[in-house]
Amino acid sequence: MKGKYEVGYGKPPKASRFGNRPQPDRTSKSKPAKEAAIFGDTINGLMRVAHNGRVVRMHPHEAMLHGLTKSGLRGKVRAIKEFFLACRKADLLNAPAGLMGGILTVPKGMPSGLAARLVRIAGRPPWDDELYAQCKAEYERDCQNIEGLTEQEKARRDAEAK
């Protein structure tokens, strides 16, 4: 009976029973890495694209954004949505930190240049009276200097014209 072994239901062949099955070769793992490298080179490489009537080489992501922009400008809503999603992912839609938004109200009669100088130095109003007086004196001095330079340039041009 030892020489004859019946194979059937519940009686697998001796060569493959109890886990003696041939296993796949798992030693070669370089193939997926090689495919990933090829895929990465394709994605990160430059491609030839017709842009403004010329064939140029650009990154695939840049080419995609150009295409989305063109489609969006033609009025395709889906392209506009995709473009703004890409802008959101790149964090281009948020205002940069430190920028003040809104309306700045300054005292009546204050020159905008003086107000801009005060905002740069001290921030939003109200401003300290001493700082205001100092900036106003500097501003008036700068205005007089600019006026003098303008008159000098005008006199020089008049002299050249004669």
Protein backbone atom coordinates (compact mmCIF):
# COMPACT_ATOMS: atom_id res chain seq x y z
CA MET A 1 0.00 0.00 0.00
CA LYS A 2 3.00 2.25 0.49
CA GLY A 3 3.82 2.28 -3.23
CA LYS A 4 0.28 3.04 -4.21
CA TYR A 5 -1.14 6.25 -2.95
CA GLU A 6 -4.59 7.31 -4.00
CA VAL A 7 -5.10 10.95 -4.90
CA GLY A 8 -8.58 12.32 -4.51
CA TYR A 9 -10.86 14.35 -2.30
CA GLY A 10 -9.01 15.08 0.94
CA LYS A 11 -5.94 13.21 -0.31
CA PRO A 12 -3.56 15.64 -2.06
CA PRO A 13 -0.47 14.42 -3.92
CA LYS A 14 2.48 13.69 -1.63
CA ALA A 15 4.68 16.26 -3.37
CA SER A 16 2.41 19.14 -2.50
CA ARG A 17 0.72 18.18 0.73
CA PHE A 18 1.44 19.79 4.11
CA GLY A 19 2.90 22.97 2.67
CA ASN A 20 5.38 21.41 0.29
CA ARG A 21 4.17 23.50 -2.60
CA PRO A 22 6.58 25.32 -4.88
CA GLN A 23 6.70 28.98 -3.79
CA PRO A 24 7.10 31.93 -6.14
CA ASP A 25 10.55 33.49 -6.43
CA ARG A 26 10.50 36.49 -4.07
CA THR A 27 14.17 37.35 -4.19
CA SER A 28 14.00 39.69 -7.19
CA LYS A 29 12.47 42.97 -6.00
CA SER A 30 14.34 45.21 -8.42
CA LYS A 31 11.63 45.13 -11.07
CA PRO A 32 9.11 47.42 -9.27
CA ALA A 33 11.92 49.80 -8.30
CA LYS A 34 13.08 49.90 -11.91
CA GLU A 35 9.54 50.59 -13.09
CA ALA A 36 9.18 53.36 -10.49
CA ALA A 37 12.42 54.96 -11.70
CA ILE A 38 11.21 54.87 -15.31
CA PHE A 39 7.84 56.31 -14.28
CA GLY A 40 9.56 59.02 -12.21
CA ASP A 41 11.82 59.96 -15.13
CA THR A 42 8.78 60.23 -17.37
CA ILE A 43 6.88 62.44 -14.94
CA ASN A 44 9.85 64.65 -14.03
CA GLY A 45 11.33 64.88 -17.51
CA LEU A 46 10.66 67.64 -19.97
CA MET A 47 8.20 67.17 -22.79
CA ARG A 48 7.79 68.94 -26.11
CA VAL A 49 4.72 71.17 -26.25
CA ALA A 50 3.39 73.68 -28.79
CA HIS A 51 3.22 76.98 -26.89
CA ASN A 52 2.53 80.38 -28.50
CA GLY A 53 3.12 78.95 -31.96
CA ARG A 54 6.48 77.39 -31.09
CA VAL A 55 7.53 73.95 -29.93
CA VAL A 56 9.11 74.27 -26.50
CA ARG A 57 10.18 71.84 -23.77
CA MET A 58 8.45 72.13 -20.41
CA HIS A 59 7.64 70.09 -17.34
CA PRO A 60 4.42 68.04 -17.68
CA HIS A 61 2.83 69.81 -14.69
CA GLU A 62 3.58 73.19 -16.25
CA ALA A 63 2.07 72.02 -19.54
CA MET A 64 -1.05 70.83 -17.70
CA LEU A 65 -1.43 74.23 -15.99
CA HIS A 66 -1.05 76.03 -19.34
CA GLY A 67 -3.77 73.80 -20.79
CA LEU A 68 -6.07 74.42 -17.82
CA THR A 69 -5.51 78.17 -18.12
CA LYS A 70 -6.34 78.16 -21.84
CA SER A 71 -9.45 76.05 -21.29
CA GLY A 72 -10.54 78.22 -18.37
CA LEU A 73 -10.14 81.37 -20.43
CA ARG A 74 -12.38 79.79 -23.06
CA GLY A 75 -15.06 79.48 -20.37
CA LYS A 76 -14.85 75.80 -19.45
CA VAL A 77 -16.04 75.65 -15.86
CA ARG A 78 -14.38 72.33 -15.05
CA ALA A 79 -10.99 73.68 -16.15
CA ILE A 80 -11.49 76.77 -13.99
CA LYS A 81 -12.31 74.59 -10.97
CA GLU A 82 -9.26 72.38 -11.58
CA PHE A 83 -7.03 75.44 -11.96
CA PHE A 84 -8.23 76.89 -8.66
CA LEU A 85 -7.82 73.51 -6.94
CA ALA A 86 -4.20 73.42 -8.15
CA CYS A 87 -3.72 76.98 -6.88
CA ARG A 88 -5.19 76.01 -3.50
CA LYS A 89 -2.86 72.99 -3.26
CA ALA A 90 0.09 75.30 -3.97
CA ASP A 91 -1.22 77.70 -1.27
CA LEU A 92 -1.46 80.56 -3.76
CA LEU A 93 -4.96 81.70 -2.79
CA ASN A 94 -4.18 82.68 0.81
CA ALA A 95 -2.93 86.18 1.49
CA PRO A 96 0.71 86.27 2.57
CA ALA A 97 1.23 86.63 6.30
CA GLY A 98 1.73 90.17 7.52
CA LEU A 99 -0.27 91.86 4.79
CA MET A 100 -3.05 94.04 6.05
CA GLY A 101 -6.25 94.02 4.12
CA GLY A 102 -9.16 96.35 4.09
CA ILE A 103 -9.47 100.10 4.08
CA LEU A 104 -7.16 102.47 5.88
CA THR A 105 -8.81 105.65 7.13
CA VAL A 106 -6.45 108.59 7.69
CA PRO A 107 -7.18 112.09 8.95
CA LYS A 108 -8.63 114.48 6.39
CA GLY A 109 -6.00 116.44 4.50
CA MET A 110 -3.15 114.04 5.29
CA PRO A 111 -1.06 113.26 2.18
CA SER A 112 -1.12 109.61 1.19
CA GLY A 113 2.69 109.46 1.14
CA LEU A 114 2.84 110.53 4.78
CA ALA A 115 0.13 108.02 5.72
CA ALA A 116 2.02 105.24 3.90
CA ARG A 117 5.23 106.16 5.74
CA LEU A 118 3.44 106.06 9.11
CA VAL A 119 1.85 102.69 8.31
CA ARG A 120 5.25 101.25 7.32
CA ILE A 121 6.87 102.52 10.52
CA ALA A 122 4.16 102.18 13.17
CA GLY A 123 1.35 100.14 11.66
CA ARG A 124 -2.31 101.09 11.63
CA PRO A 125 -3.59 104.33 13.15
CA PRO A 126 -3.97 105.84 15.71
CA TRP A 127 -0.37 107.06 15.76
CA ASP A 128 1.63 108.64 18.56
CA ASP A 129 1.69 112.46 18.28
CA GLU A 130 5.48 112.61 18.60
CA LEU A 131 5.97 110.01 15.85
CA TYR A 132 3.43 111.79 13.68
CA ALA A 133 5.24 115.12 14.07
CA GLN A 134 8.62 113.52 13.28
CA CYS A 135 7.32 111.73 10.15
CA LYS A 136 5.49 114.86 9.00
CA ALA A 137 8.71 116.91 9.29
CA GLU A 138 10.65 114.25 7.31
CA TYR A 139 7.89 114.08 4.71
CA GLU A 140 7.83 117.88 4.23
CA ARG A 141 11.64 117.95 4.01
CA ASP A 142 11.54 115.21 1.34
CA CYS A 143 8.83 117.07 -0.60
CA GLN A 144 10.90 120.30 -0.57
CA ASN A 145 13.95 118.35 -1.70
CA ILE A 146 12.01 116.78 -4.57
CA GLU A 147 10.63 120.20 -5.55
CA GLY A 148 14.15 121.65 -5.61
CA LEU A 149 15.45 118.76 -7.74
CA THR A 150 12.52 119.14 -10.12
CA GLU A 151 13.24 122.87 -10.53
CA GLN A 152 16.93 122.15 -11.14
CA GLU A 153 16.07 119.60 -13.82
CA LYS A 154 13.62 122.00 -15.45
CA ALA A 155 16.28 124.77 -15.49
CA ARG A 156 18.82 122.35 -16.99
CA ARG A 157 16.41 121.36 -19.76
CA ASP A 158 15.60 124.99 -20.49
CA ALA A 159 19.35 125.74 -20.73
CA GLU A 160 19.87 122.82 -23.12
CA ALA A 161 16.95 123.93 -25.28
CA LYS A 162 18.52 127.44 -25.81
